[in-house]
Amino acid sequence: MEKTLTVIIPFYNEKNSIETSVNRVINENISNEIILVDDCSDDGTDQIAKRLEINFENIIYIKTNKNKGKGSALARAQSMVSSSHVIVHDADLEYFPSDISEMFKLADLEEDKLILGSRTIGSKERTNLYKFTFYGNKLLTKLFSMVNNYKISDIATCYQLMYASFFKNLDIKEKGFGIEVEILSKFIKTKGNIIEYPINYEARSYEDGKKIKLKDGIKIFLKIFKYRISTN
Protein backbone atom coordinates (compact mmCIF):
# COMPACT_ATOMS: atom_id res chain seq x y z
CA MET A 1 0.00 0.00 0.00
CA GLU A 2 1.36 3.41 -0.97
CA LYS A 3 1.67 6.12 1.68
CA THR A 4 -0.52 9.08 0.65
CA LEU A 5 -1.82 12.18 2.38
CA THR A 6 -5.08 14.11 2.55
CA VAL A 7 -4.92 17.67 3.87
CA ILE A 8 -8.22 18.94 5.27
CA ILE A 9 -8.57 22.73 5.47
CA PRO A 10 -11.64 23.83 7.45
CA PHE A 11 -12.42 27.54 7.31
CA TYR A 12 -14.94 30.23 8.10
CA ASN A 13 -14.72 33.74 6.60
CA GLU A 14 -11.06 33.58 5.54
CA LYS A 15 -11.21 35.47 2.24
CA ASN A 16 -7.90 37.25 2.93
CA SER A 17 -5.91 34.08 3.61
CA ILE A 18 -7.56 31.02 2.05
CA GLU A 19 -5.85 31.23 -1.36
CA THR A 20 -2.39 31.81 0.10
CA SER A 21 -2.92 29.01 2.60
CA VAL A 22 -3.99 26.53 -0.07
CA ASN A 23 -1.16 27.53 -2.40
CA ARG A 24 1.37 26.92 0.38
CA VAL A 25 0.07 23.37 0.74
CA ILE A 26 0.10 22.81 -3.02
CA ASN A 27 3.68 24.08 -3.30
CA GLU A 28 4.87 21.41 -0.87
CA ASN A 29 3.72 18.76 -3.36
CA ILE A 30 2.89 16.24 -0.64
CA SER A 31 -0.89 15.94 -0.71
CA ASN A 32 -2.82 13.39 -2.71
CA GLU A 33 -5.94 15.46 -2.11
CA ILE A 34 -6.94 18.69 -0.40
CA ILE A 35 -10.42 18.93 1.08
CA LEU A 36 -11.67 22.47 1.64
CA VAL A 37 -14.50 22.52 4.18
CA ASP A 38 -16.37 25.81 4.19
CA ASP A 39 -18.19 26.21 7.52
CA CYS A 40 -20.88 28.37 5.91
CA SER A 41 -18.75 31.46 5.16
CA ASP A 42 -20.64 34.61 4.20
CA ASP A 43 -17.79 36.94 3.24
CA GLY A 44 -17.04 35.64 -0.25
CA THR A 45 -14.49 33.01 0.77
CA ASP A 46 -16.66 30.39 -0.89
CA GLN A 47 -16.14 31.94 -4.32
CA ILE A 48 -12.37 31.79 -3.90
CA ALA A 49 -12.56 28.17 -2.75
CA LYS A 50 -14.77 27.18 -5.68
CA ARG A 51 -12.27 28.72 -8.08
CA LEU A 52 -9.45 26.77 -6.46
CA GLU A 53 -11.42 23.55 -6.89
CA ILE A 54 -11.84 24.29 -10.60
CA ASN A 55 -8.16 25.15 -11.08
CA PHE A 56 -6.68 22.15 -9.23
CA GLU A 57 -7.88 18.60 -9.87
CA ASN A 58 -6.84 17.32 -6.43
CA ILE A 59 -8.96 19.90 -4.54
CA ILE A 60 -12.42 19.03 -3.25
CA TYR A 61 -14.69 21.81 -1.99
CA ILE A 62 -17.65 21.21 0.32
CA LYS A 63 -19.82 23.63 2.27
CA THR A 64 -21.79 23.04 5.45
CA ASN A 65 -25.41 24.10 5.73
CA LYS A 66 -24.83 25.98 8.98
CA ASN A 67 -21.86 27.47 10.82
CA LYS A 68 -21.23 25.04 13.67
CA GLY A 69 -17.46 25.08 14.21
CA LYS A 70 -14.23 23.31 13.37
CA GLY A 71 -15.18 19.90 14.74
CA SER A 72 -18.40 19.85 12.76
CA ALA A 73 -16.50 20.81 9.61
CA LEU A 74 -14.06 17.93 10.08
CA ALA A 75 -16.91 15.48 10.57
CA ARG A 76 -18.30 16.63 7.25
CA ALA A 77 -15.04 15.62 5.53
CA GLN A 78 -14.54 12.21 7.14
CA SER A 79 -16.21 10.10 4.47
CA MET A 80 -14.38 11.90 1.65
CA VAL A 81 -10.82 11.01 2.68
CA SER A 82 -9.21 8.56 0.25
CA SER A 83 -5.54 8.61 1.35
CA SER A 84 -3.64 6.47 3.85
CA HIS A 85 -3.02 9.44 6.16
CA VAL A 86 -4.74 12.71 7.01
CA ILE A 87 -3.80 16.02 8.63
CA VAL A 88 -5.75 19.21 9.33
CA HIS A 89 -4.33 22.56 8.22
CA ASP A 90 -5.90 25.81 9.44
CA ALA A 91 -6.48 28.47 6.78
CA ASP A 92 -5.30 31.40 8.89
CA LEU A 93 -1.58 31.27 7.92
CA GLU A 94 -0.43 30.52 11.48
CA TYR A 95 1.01 27.14 10.46
CA PHE A 96 3.59 26.27 7.80
CA PRO A 97 2.95 23.36 5.39
CA SER A 98 6.71 22.81 5.12
CA ASP A 99 6.36 21.22 8.56
CA ILE A 100 3.75 18.82 7.19
CA SER A 101 6.36 17.58 4.72
CA GLU A 102 8.76 16.76 7.55
CA MET A 103 6.04 15.18 9.69
CA PHE A 104 4.92 13.00 6.80
CA LYS A 105 8.43 11.56 6.56
CA LEU A 106 7.94 10.18 10.08
CA ALA A 107 4.65 8.50 9.17
CA ASP A 108 4.46 4.90 8.03
CA LEU A 109 1.71 2.39 7.36
CA GLU A 110 1.36 1.41 11.02
CA GLU A 111 -2.07 2.41 12.26
CA ASP A 112 -0.98 2.93 15.88
CA LYS A 113 1.04 6.09 15.28
CA LEU A 114 0.09 9.78 15.41
CA ILE A 115 2.59 12.52 14.55
CA LEU A 116 1.95 15.63 16.68
CA GLY A 117 3.28 18.98 15.49
CA SER A 118 4.32 20.75 18.68
CA ARG A 119 4.71 24.52 18.99
CA THR A 120 6.47 24.31 22.36
CA ILE A 121 9.47 21.99 21.84
CA GLY A 122 12.63 22.45 19.80
CA SER A 123 14.02 25.70 18.42
CA LYS A 124 11.72 26.44 15.50
CA GLU A 125 10.53 29.97 14.69
CA ARG A 126 7.53 31.12 16.76
CA THR A 127 6.42 34.73 16.53
CA ASN A 128 3.67 37.09 17.74
CA LEU A 129 2.80 34.78 20.62
CA TYR A 130 0.14 35.97 23.07
CA LYS A 131 1.15 35.30 26.69
CA PHE A 132 -2.44 34.47 27.59
CA THR A 133 -2.91 31.78 24.95
CA PHE A 134 0.69 30.49 25.22
CA TYR A 135 0.65 29.92 28.97
CA GLY A 136 -2.98 28.88 28.94
CA ASN A 137 -2.15 26.14 26.46
CA LYS A 138 0.86 25.03 28.53
CA LEU A 139 -1.32 24.78 31.64
CA LEU A 140 -4.05 22.83 29.83
CA THR A 141 -1.43 20.56 28.24
CA LYS A 142 0.05 19.71 31.65
CA LEU A 143 -3.43 18.97 32.95
CA PHE A 144 -4.19 16.77 29.94
CA SER A 145 -0.93 14.85 30.39
CA MET A 146 -1.62 14.28 34.08
CA VAL A 147 -5.25 13.25 33.63
CA ASN A 148 -4.44 10.84 30.79
CA ASN A 149 -1.11 9.63 32.22
CA TYR A 150 0.48 10.37 28.84
CA LYS A 151 2.98 13.19 28.50
CA ILE A 152 2.69 15.46 25.46
CA SER A 153 3.72 19.09 24.94
CA ASP A 154 0.90 20.77 22.97
CA ILE A 155 -2.75 19.67 23.08
CA ALA A 156 -4.13 22.60 21.08
CA THR A 157 -1.94 22.24 18.00
CA CYS A 158 -3.74 21.96 14.69
CA TYR A 159 -1.12 19.59 13.25
CA GLN A 160 -2.04 16.00 14.11
CA LEU A 161 -1.01 13.65 11.30
CA MET A 162 -2.83 10.34 11.70
CA TYR A 163 -3.77 7.17 9.92
CA ALA A 164 -6.88 7.80 7.83
CA SER A 165 -8.81 4.77 9.10
CA PHE A 166 -8.58 6.10 12.67
CA PHE A 167 -9.83 9.52 11.60
CA LYS A 168 -12.64 8.18 9.41
CA ASN A 169 -13.93 5.91 12.18
CA LEU A 170 -13.99 8.64 14.84
CA ASP A 171 -17.42 9.34 16.25
CA ILE A 172 -16.78 13.08 16.39
CA LYS A 173 -18.75 14.79 19.14
CA GLU A 174 -17.12 18.21 19.25
CA LYS A 175 -18.47 21.07 17.17
CA GLY A 176 -15.73 23.62 17.86
CA PHE A 177 -12.12 23.96 19.02
CA GLY A 178 -12.40 21.03 21.46
CA ILE A 179 -11.85 18.70 18.51
CA GLU A 180 -8.06 18.56 19.09
CA VAL A 181 -8.57 17.31 22.65
CA GLU A 182 -11.17 14.80 21.48
CA ILE A 183 -8.86 13.34 18.82
CA LEU A 184 -5.87 13.05 21.16
CA SER A 185 -7.94 11.58 24.00
CA LYS A 186 -9.46 8.93 21.78
CA PHE A 187 -6.13 8.09 20.16
CA ILE A 188 -4.47 7.57 23.56
CA LYS A 189 -7.23 5.10 24.43
CA THR A 190 -6.21 2.99 21.41
CA LYS A 191 -2.80 2.53 23.12
CA GLY A 192 -1.22 4.16 20.08
CA ASN A 193 2.14 5.92 19.97
CA ILE A 194 2.31 9.73 19.72
CA ILE A 195 5.49 11.08 18.15
CA GLU A 196 6.12 14.80 18.61
CA TYR A 197 7.80 16.96 16.00
CA PRO A 198 8.71 20.65 16.57
CA ILE A 199 6.98 23.02 14.17
CA ASN A 200 7.05 26.71 13.27
CA TYR A 201 4.21 29.01 14.29
CA GLU A 202 3.22 32.62 13.63
CA ALA A 203 0.24 33.63 15.75
CA ARG A 204 -2.42 35.77 14.10
CA SER A 205 -3.71 38.82 15.95
CA TYR A 206 -7.32 39.17 17.04
CA GLU A 207 -7.52 42.21 14.80
CA ASP A 208 -6.64 39.96 11.87
CA GLY A 209 -9.32 37.45 12.77
CA LYS A 210 -7.95 35.09 15.43
CA LYS A 211 -11.02 33.29 16.71
CA ILE A 212 -10.13 31.38 19.90
CA LYS A 213 -11.28 33.12 23.09
CA LEU A 214 -11.14 32.65 26.88
CA LYS A 215 -14.42 30.74 26.81
CA ASP A 216 -12.83 28.22 24.45
CA GLY A 217 -10.06 27.61 26.98
CA ILE A 218 -12.64 26.96 29.69
CA LYS A 219 -14.45 24.52 27.42
CA ILE A 220 -11.20 22.70 26.65
CA PHE A 221 -10.53 22.42 30.40
CA LEU A 222 -13.86 20.66 30.88
CA LYS A 223 -13.45 18.46 27.83
CA ILE A 224 -10.15 17.07 29.10
CA PHE A 225 -12.11 15.40 31.89
CA LYS A 226 -15.07 14.58 29.66
CA TYR A 227 -13.03 12.49 27.25
CA ARG A 228 -10.97 10.89 30.01
CA ILE A 229 -14.07 9.23 31.43
CA SER A 230 -15.94 8.83 28.15
CA THR A 231 -16.29 5.33 26.71
CA ASN A 232 -16.59 6.49 23.06
C-alpha atoms as a PDB file:
ATOM      1  CA  MET A   1       0.000   0.000   0.000  1.00  0.00           C
ATOM      2  CA  GLU A   2       1.357   3.409  -0.967  1.00  0.00           C
ATOM      3  CA  LYS A   3       1.673   6.118   1.682  1.00  0.00           C
ATOM      4  CA  THR A   4      -0.519   9.078   0.647  1.00  0.00           C
ATOM      5  CA  LEU A   5      -1.819  12.182   2.382  1.00  0.00           C
ATOM      6  CA  THR A   6      -5.078  14.112   2.550  1.00  0.00           C
ATOM      7  CA  VAL A   7      -4.918  17.675   3.874  1.00  0.00           C
ATOM      8  CA  ILE A   8      -8.221  18.944   5.274  1.00  0.00           C
ATOM      9  CA  ILE A   9      -8.570  22.726   5.467  1.00  0.00           C
ATOM     10  CA  PRO A  10     -11.644  23.832   7.452  1.00  0.00           C
ATOM     11  CA  PHE A  11     -12.418  27.535   7.306  1.00  0.00           C
ATOM     12  CA  TYR A  12     -14.941  30.231   8.103  1.00  0.00           C
ATOM     13  CA  ASN A  13     -14.721  33.737   6.600  1.00  0.00           C
ATOM     14  CA  GLU A  14     -11.059  33.575   5.544  1.00  0.00           C
ATOM     15  CA  LYS A  15     -11.212  35.472   2.237  1.00  0.00           C
ATOM     16  CA  ASN A  16      -7.903  37.246   2.934  1.00  0.00           C
ATOM     17  CA  SER A  17      -5.913  34.081   3.613  1.00  0.00           C
ATOM     18  CA  ILE A  18      -7.561  31.020   2.046  1.00  0.00           C
ATOM     19  CA  GLU A  19      -5.847  31.225  -1.356  1.00  0.00           C
ATOM     20  CA  THR A  20      -2.388  31.814   0.104  1.00  0.00           C
ATOM     21  CA  SER A  21      -2.920  29.011   2.604  1.00  0.00           C
ATOM     22  CA  VAL A  22      -3.990  26.528  -0.070  1.00  0.00           C
ATOM     23  CA  ASN A  23      -1.156  27.528  -2.399  1.00  0.00           C
ATOM     24  CA  ARG A  24       1.373  26.919   0.376  1.00  0.00           C
ATOM     25  CA  VAL A  25       0.069  23.374   0.740  1.00  0.00           C
ATOM     26  CA  ILE A  26       0.102  22.809  -3.022  1.00  0.00           C
ATOM     27  CA  ASN A  27       3.677  24.076  -3.302  1.00  0.00           C
ATOM     28  CA  GLU A  28       4.869  21.409  -0.869  1.00  0.00           C
ATOM     29  CA  ASN A  29       3.716  18.757  -3.359  1.00  0.00           C
ATOM     30  CA  ILE A  30       2.893  16.239  -0.639  1.00  0.00           C
ATOM     31  CA  SER A  31      -0.891  15.941  -0.707  1.00  0.00           C
ATOM     32  CA  ASN A  32      -2.823  13.386  -2.706  1.00  0.00           C
ATOM     33  CA  GLU A  33      -5.944  15.464  -2.115  1.00  0.00           C
ATOM     34  CA  ILE A  34      -6.937  18.693  -0.404  1.00  0.00           C
ATOM     35  CA  ILE A  35     -10.424  18.925   1.082  1.00  0.00           C
ATOM     36  CA  LEU A  36     -11.674  22.473   1.639  1.00  0.00           C
ATOM     37  CA  VAL A  37     -14.497  22.520   4.179  1.00  0.00           C
ATOM     38  CA  ASP A  38     -16.374  25.814   4.189  1.00  0.00           C
ATOM     39  CA  ASP A  39     -18.189  26.206   7.519  1.00  0.00           C
ATOM     40  CA  CYS A  40     -20.875  28.368   5.910  1.00  0.00           C
ATOM     41  CA  SER A  41     -18.750  31.457   5.164  1.00  0.00           C
ATOM     42  CA  ASP A  42     -20.642  34.606   4.202  1.00  0.00           C
ATOM     43  CA  ASP A  43     -17.785  36.939   3.241  1.00  0.00           C
ATOM     44  CA  GLY A  44     -17.038  35.637  -0.249  1.00  0.00           C
ATOM     45  CA  THR A  45     -14.488  33.015   0.771  1.00  0.00           C
ATOM     46  CA  ASP A  46     -16.665  30.391  -0.890  1.00  0.00           C
ATOM     47  CA  GLN A  47     -16.145  31.943  -4.315  1.00  0.00           C
ATOM     48  CA  ILE A  48     -12.371  31.788  -3.901  1.00  0.00           C
ATOM     49  CA  ALA A  49     -12.556  28.171  -2.745  1.00  0.00           C
ATOM     50  CA  LYS A  50     -14.773  27.176  -5.676  1.00  0.00           C
ATOM     51  CA  ARG A  51     -12.274  28.715  -8.083  1.00  0.00           C
ATOM     52  CA  LEU A  52      -9.449  26.773  -6.458  1.00  0.00           C
ATOM     53  CA  GLU A  53     -11.423  23.551  -6.894  1.00  0.00           C
ATOM     54  CA  ILE A  54     -11.841  24.294 -10.597  1.00  0.00           C
ATOM     55  CA  ASN A  55      -8.165  25.147 -11.081  1.00  0.00           C
ATOM     56  CA  PHE A  56      -6.681  22.154  -9.230  1.00  0.00           C
ATOM     57  CA  GLU A  57      -7.880  18.604  -9.865  1.00  0.00           C
ATOM     58  CA  ASN A  58      -6.845  17.323  -6.426  1.00  0.00           C
ATOM     59  CA  ILE A  59      -8.960  19.896  -4.545  1.00  0.00           C
ATOM     60  CA  ILE A  60     -12.423  19.025  -3.251  1.00  0.00           C
ATOM     61  CA  TYR A  61     -14.692  21.812  -1.986  1.00  0.00           C
ATOM     62  CA  ILE A  62     -17.651  21.209   0.315  1.00  0.00           C
ATOM     63  CA  LYS A  63     -19.819  23.628   2.275  1.00  0.00           C
ATOM     64  CA  THR A  64     -21.793  23.038   5.450  1.00  0.00           C
ATOM     65  CA  ASN A  65     -25.412  24.103   5.732  1.00  0.00           C
ATOM     66  CA  LYS A  66     -24.826  25.979   8.979  1.00  0.00           C
ATOM     67  CA  ASN A  67     -21.856  27.472  10.823  1.00  0.00           C
ATOM     68  CA  LYS A  68     -21.229  25.038  13.674  1.00  0.00           C
ATOM     69  CA  GLY A  69     -17.457  25.079  14.212  1.00  0.00           C
ATOM     70  CA  LYS A  70     -14.226  23.307  13.369  1.00  0.00           C
ATOM     71  CA  GLY A  71     -15.184  19.898  14.737  1.00  0.00           C
ATOM     72  CA  SER A  72     -18.405  19.849  12.764  1.00  0.00           C
ATOM     73  CA  ALA A  73     -16.502  20.815   9.615  1.00  0.00           C
ATOM     74  CA  LEU A  74     -14.057  17.933  10.076  1.00  0.00           C
ATOM     75  CA  ALA A  75     -16.910  15.481  10.569  1.00  0.00           C
ATOM     76  CA  ARG A  76     -18.303  16.627   7.246  1.00  0.00           C
ATOM     77  CA  ALA A  77     -15.041  15.623   5.532  1.00  0.00           C
ATOM     78  CA  GLN A  78     -14.542  12.206   7.139  1.00  0.00           C
ATOM     79  CA  SER A  79     -16.208  10.101   4.469  1.00  0.00           C
ATOM     80  CA  MET A  80     -14.380  11.899   1.650  1.00  0.00           C
ATOM     81  CA  VAL A  81     -10.819  11.012   2.683  1.00  0.00           C
ATOM     82  CA  SER A  82      -9.214   8.557   0.250  1.00  0.00           C
ATOM     83  CA  SER A  83      -5.545   8.612   1.350  1.00  0.00           C
ATOM     84  CA  SER A  84      -3.644   6.471   3.848  1.00  0.00           C
ATOM     85  CA  HIS A  85      -3.022   9.436   6.158  1.00  0.00           C
ATOM     86  CA  VAL A  86      -4.736  12.710   7.009  1.00  0.00           C
ATOM     87  CA  ILE A  87      -3.802  16.017   8.626  1.00  0.00           C
ATOM     88  CA  VAL A  88      -5.751  19.207   9.333  1.00  0.00           C
ATOM     89  CA  HIS A  89      -4.328  22.558   8.220  1.00  0.00           C
ATOM     90  CA  ASP A  90      -5.899  25.808   9.438  1.00  0.00           C
ATOM     91  CA  ALA A  91      -6.476  28.468   6.780  1.00  0.00           C
ATOM     92  CA  ASP A  92      -5.301  31.404   8.891  1.00  0.00           C
ATOM     93  CA  LEU A  93      -1.583  31.269   7.920  1.00  0.00           C
ATOM     94  CA  GLU A  94      -0.433  30.522  11.482  1.00  0.00           C
ATOM     95  CA  TYR A  95       1.008  27.144  10.459  1.00  0.00           C
ATOM     96  CA  PHE A  96       3.586  26.269   7.798  1.00  0.00           C
ATOM     97  CA  PRO A  97       2.945  23.357   5.392  1.00  0.00           C
ATOM     98  CA  SER A  98       6.705  22.811   5.120  1.00  0.00           C
ATOM     99  CA  ASP A  99       6.362  21.218   8.563  1.00  0.00           C
ATOM    100  CA  ILE A 100       3.753  18.823   7.186  1.00  0.00           C
ATOM    101  CA  SER A 101       6.359  17.579   4.717  1.00  0.00           C
ATOM    102  CA  GLU A 102       8.762  16.758   7.551  1.00  0.00           C
ATOM    103  CA  MET A 103       6.045  15.185   9.690  1.00  0.00           C
ATOM    104  CA  PHE A 104       4.918  12.996   6.798  1.00  0.00           C
ATOM    105  CA  LYS A 105       8.435  11.555   6.560  1.00  0.00           C
ATOM    106  CA  LEU A 106       7.936  10.177  10.076  1.00  0.00           C
ATOM    107  CA  ALA A 107       4.654   8.499   9.169  1.00  0.00           C
ATOM    108  CA  ASP A 108       4.461   4.898   8.027  1.00  0.00           C
ATOM    109  CA  LEU A 109       1.709   2.389   7.361  1.00  0.00           C
ATOM    110  CA  GLU A 110       1.364   1.407  11.019  1.00  0.00           C
ATOM    111  CA  GLU A 111      -2.069   2.414  12.262  1.00  0.00           C
ATOM    112  CA  ASP A 112      -0.982   2.932  15.879  1.00  0.00           C
ATOM    113  CA  LYS A 113       1.035   6.086  15.276  1.00  0.00           C
ATOM    114  CA  LEU A 114       0.086   9.779  15.408  1.00  0.00           C
ATOM    115  CA  ILE A 115       2.588  12.524  14.552  1.00  0.00           C
ATOM    116  CA  LEU A 116       1.953  15.628  16.675  1.00  0.00           C
ATOM    117  CA  GLY A 117       3.285  18.980  15.488  1.00  0.00           C
ATOM    118  CA  SER A 118       4.324  20.749  18.681  1.00  0.00           C
ATOM    119  CA  ARG A 119       4.712  24.522  18.987  1.00  0.00           C
ATOM    120  CA  THR A 120       6.474  24.312  22.356  1.00  0.00           C
ATOM    121  CA  ILE A 121       9.465  21.993  21.837  1.00  0.00           C
ATOM    122  CA  GLY A 122      12.632  22.448  19.797  1.00  0.00           C
ATOM    123  CA  SER A 123      14.016  25.699  18.419  1.00  0.00           C
ATOM    124  CA  LYS A 124      11.715  26.440  15.496  1.00  0.00           C
ATOM    125  CA  GLU A 125      10.528  29.971  14.692  1.00  0.00           C
ATOM    126  CA  ARG A 126       7.534  31.120  16.757  1.00  0.00           C
ATOM    127  CA  THR A 127       6.425  34.732  16.532  1.00  0.00           C
ATOM    128  CA  ASN A 128       3.673  37.087  17.744  1.00  0.00           C
ATOM    129  CA  LEU A 129       2.805  34.781  20.624  1.00  0.00           C
ATOM    130  CA  TYR A 130       0.144  35.969  23.072  1.00  0.00           C
ATOM    131  CA  LYS A 131       1.148  35.301  26.694  1.00  0.00           C
ATOM    132  CA  PHE A 132      -2.443  34.474  27.595  1.00  0.00           C
ATOM    133  CA  THR A 133      -2.907  31.782  24.947  1.00  0.00           C
ATOM    134  CA  PHE A 134       0.688  30.486  25.216  1.00  0.00           C
ATOM    135  CA  TYR A 135       0.655  29.917  28.975  1.00  0.00           C
ATOM    136  CA  GLY A 136      -2.977  28.880  28.937  1.00  0.00           C
ATOM    137  CA  ASN A 137      -2.146  26.139  26.465  1.00  0.00           C
ATOM    138  CA  LYS A 138       0.858  25.032  28.530  1.00  0.00           C
ATOM    139  CA  LEU A 139      -1.321  24.776  31.640  1.00  0.00           C
ATOM    140  CA  LEU A 140      -4.047  22.829  29.829  1.00  0.00           C
ATOM    141  CA  THR A 141      -1.433  20.565  28.244  1.00  0.00           C
ATOM    142  CA  LYS A 142       0.051  19.711  31.647  1.00  0.00           C
ATOM    143  CA  LEU A 143      -3.429  18.972  32.952  1.00  0.00           C
ATOM    144  CA  PHE A 144      -4.195  16.769  29.936  1.00  0.00           C
ATOM    145  CA  SER A 145      -0.930  14.854  30.387  1.00  0.00           C
ATOM    146  CA  MET A 146      -1.620  14.281  34.076  1.00  0.00           C
ATOM    147  CA  VAL A 147      -5.255  13.246  33.628  1.00  0.00           C
ATOM    148  CA  ASN A 148      -4.437  10.837  30.792  1.00  0.00           C
ATOM    149  CA  ASN A 149      -1.108   9.635  32.216  1.00  0.00           C
ATOM    150  CA  TYR A 150       0.478  10.369  28.841  1.00  0.00           C
ATOM    151  CA  LYS A 151       2.982  13.193  28.502  1.00  0.00           C
ATOM    152  CA  ILE A 152       2.693  15.463  25.462  1.00  0.00           C
ATOM    153  CA  SER A 153       3.720  19.091  24.940  1.00  0.00           C
ATOM    154  CA  ASP A 154       0.900  20.773  22.967  1.00  0.00           C
ATOM    155  CA  ILE A 155      -2.746  19.674  23.084  1.00  0.00           C
ATOM    156  CA  ALA A 156      -4.125  22.602  21.085  1.00  0.00           C
ATOM    157  CA  THR A 157      -1.938  22.244  18.001  1.00  0.00           C
ATOM    158  CA  CYS A 158      -3.735  21.960  14.691  1.00  0.00           C
ATOM    159  CA  TYR A 159      -1.121  19.590  13.253  1.00  0.00           C
ATOM    160  CA  GLN A 160      -2.044  16.001  14.108  1.00  0.00           C
ATOM    161  CA  LEU A 161      -1.013  13.647  11.304  1.00  0.00           C
ATOM    162  CA  MET A 162      -2.830  10.344  11.696  1.00  0.00           C
ATOM    163  CA  TYR A 163      -3.770   7.168   9.915  1.00  0.00           C
ATOM    164  CA  ALA A 164      -6.885   7.799   7.835  1.00  0.00           C
ATOM    165  CA  SER A 165      -8.806   4.773   9.100  1.00  0.00           C
ATOM    166  CA  PHE A 166      -8.578   6.103  12.671  1.00  0.00           C
ATOM    167  CA  PHE A 167      -9.832   9.524  11.595  1.00  0.00           C
ATOM    168  CA  LYS A 168     -12.640   8.177   9.414  1.00  0.00           C
ATOM    169  CA  ASN A 169     -13.931   5.905  12.181  1.00  0.00           C
ATOM    170  CA  LEU A 170     -13.987   8.635  14.835  1.00  0.00           C
ATOM    171  CA  ASP A 171     -17.419   9.343  16.247  1.00  0.00           C
ATOM    172  CA  ILE A 172     -16.779  13.081  16.393  1.00  0.00           C
ATOM    173  CA  LYS A 173     -18.749  14.794  19.143  1.00  0.00           C
ATOM    174  CA  GLU A 174     -17.120  18.208  19.255  1.00  0.00           C
ATOM    175  CA  LYS A 175     -18.469  21.065  17.172  1.00  0.00           C
ATOM    176  CA  GLY A 176     -15.734  23.619  17.857  1.00  0.00           C
ATOM    177  CA  PHE A 177     -12.125  23.958  19.022  1.00  0.00           C
ATOM    178  CA  GLY A 178     -12.401  21.031  21.459  1.00  0.00           C
ATOM    179  CA  ILE A 179     -11.853  18.699  18.514  1.00  0.00           C
ATOM    180  CA  GLU A 180      -8.065  18.562  19.088  1.00  0.00           C
ATOM    181  CA  VAL A 181      -8.568  17.314  22.646  1.00  0.00           C
ATOM    182  CA  GLU A 182     -11.168  14.799  21.478  1.00  0.00           C
ATOM    183  CA  ILE A 183      -8.864  13.338  18.821  1.00  0.00           C
ATOM    184  CA  LEU A 184      -5.874  13.053  21.164  1.00  0.00           C
ATOM    185  CA  SER A 185      -7.940  11.581  24.003  1.00  0.00           C
ATOM    186  CA  LYS A 186      -9.465   8.932  21.775  1.00  0.00           C
ATOM    187  CA  PHE A 187      -6.129   8.090  20.163  1.00  0.00           C
ATOM    188  CA  ILE A 188      -4.475   7.571  23.557  1.00  0.00           C
ATOM    189  CA  LYS A 189      -7.234   5.095  24.425  1.00  0.00           C
ATOM    190  CA  THR A 190      -6.209   2.987  21.407  1.00  0.00           C
ATOM    191  CA  LYS A 191      -2.803   2.533  23.117  1.00  0.00           C
ATOM    192  CA  GLY A 192      -1.217   4.159  20.081  1.00  0.00           C
ATOM    193  CA  ASN A 193       2.140   5.918  19.969  1.00  0.00           C
ATOM    194  CA  ILE A 194       2.307   9.726  19.716  1.00  0.00           C
ATOM    195  CA  ILE A 195       5.489  11.079  18.150  1.00  0.00           C
ATOM    196  CA  GLU A 196       6.117  14.799  18.614  1.00  0.00           C
ATOM    197  CA  TYR A 197       7.801  16.957  15.999  1.00  0.00           C
ATOM    198  CA  PRO A 198       8.715  20.650  16.574  1.00  0.00           C
ATOM    199  CA  ILE A 199       6.975  23.023  14.168  1.00  0.00           C
ATOM    200  CA  ASN A 200       7.050  26.708  13.271  1.00  0.00           C
ATOM    201  CA  TYR A 201       4.211  29.009  14.285  1.00  0.00           C
ATOM    202  CA  GLU A 202       3.218  32.619  13.633  1.00  0.00           C
ATOM    203  CA  ALA A 203       0.239  33.626  15.746  1.00  0.00           C
ATOM    204  CA  ARG A 204      -2.418  35.769  14.103  1.00  0.00           C
ATOM    205  CA  SER A 205      -3.709  38.824  15.946  1.00  0.00           C
ATOM    206  CA  TYR A 206      -7.319  39.167  17.039  1.00  0.00           C
ATOM    207  CA  GLU A 207      -7.522  42.215  14.800  1.00  0.00           C
ATOM    208  CA  ASP A 208      -6.643  39.962  11.869  1.00  0.00           C
ATOM    209  CA  GLY A 209      -9.322  37.455  12.773  1.00  0.00           C
ATOM    210  CA  LYS A 210      -7.948  35.087  15.426  1.00  0.00           C
ATOM    211  CA  LYS A 211     -11.023  33.288  16.715  1.00  0.00           C
ATOM    212  CA  ILE A 212     -10.131  31.376  19.896  1.00  0.00           C
ATOM    213  CA  LYS A 213     -11.277  33.120  23.093  1.00  0.00           C
ATOM    214  CA  LEU A 214     -11.141  32.654  26.882  1.00  0.00           C
ATOM    215  CA  LYS A 215     -14.425  30.742  26.805  1.00  0.00           C
ATOM    216  CA  ASP A 216     -12.826  28.217  24.448  1.00  0.00           C
ATOM    217  CA  GLY A 217     -10.055  27.613  26.983  1.00  0.00           C
ATOM    218  CA  ILE A 218     -12.637  26.957  29.689  1.00  0.00           C
ATOM    219  CA  LYS A 219     -14.453  24.521  27.416  1.00  0.00           C
ATOM    220  CA  ILE A 220     -11.203  22.698  26.646  1.00  0.00           C
ATOM    221  CA  PHE A 221     -10.530  22.423  30.402  1.00  0.00           C
ATOM    222  CA  LEU A 222     -13.862  20.663  30.879  1.00  0.00           C
ATOM    223  CA  LYS A 223     -13.447  18.458  27.829  1.00  0.00           C
ATOM    224  CA  ILE A 224     -10.146  17.072  29.102  1.00  0.00           C
ATOM    225  CA  PHE A 225     -12.113  15.401  31.889  1.00  0.00           C
ATOM    226  CA  LYS A 226     -15.074  14.585  29.661  1.00  0.00           C
ATOM    227  CA  TYR A 227     -13.027  12.487  27.252  1.00  0.00           C
ATOM    228  CA  ARG A 228     -10.968  10.892  30.013  1.00  0.00           C
ATOM    229  CA  ILE A 229     -14.069   9.234  31.435  1.00  0.00           C
ATOM    230  CA  SER A 230     -15.943   8.834  28.148  1.00  0.00           C
ATOM    231  CA  THR A 231     -16.289   5.333  26.706  1.00  0.00           C
ATOM    232  CA  ASN A 232     -16.586   6.491  23.062  1.00  0.00           C
END
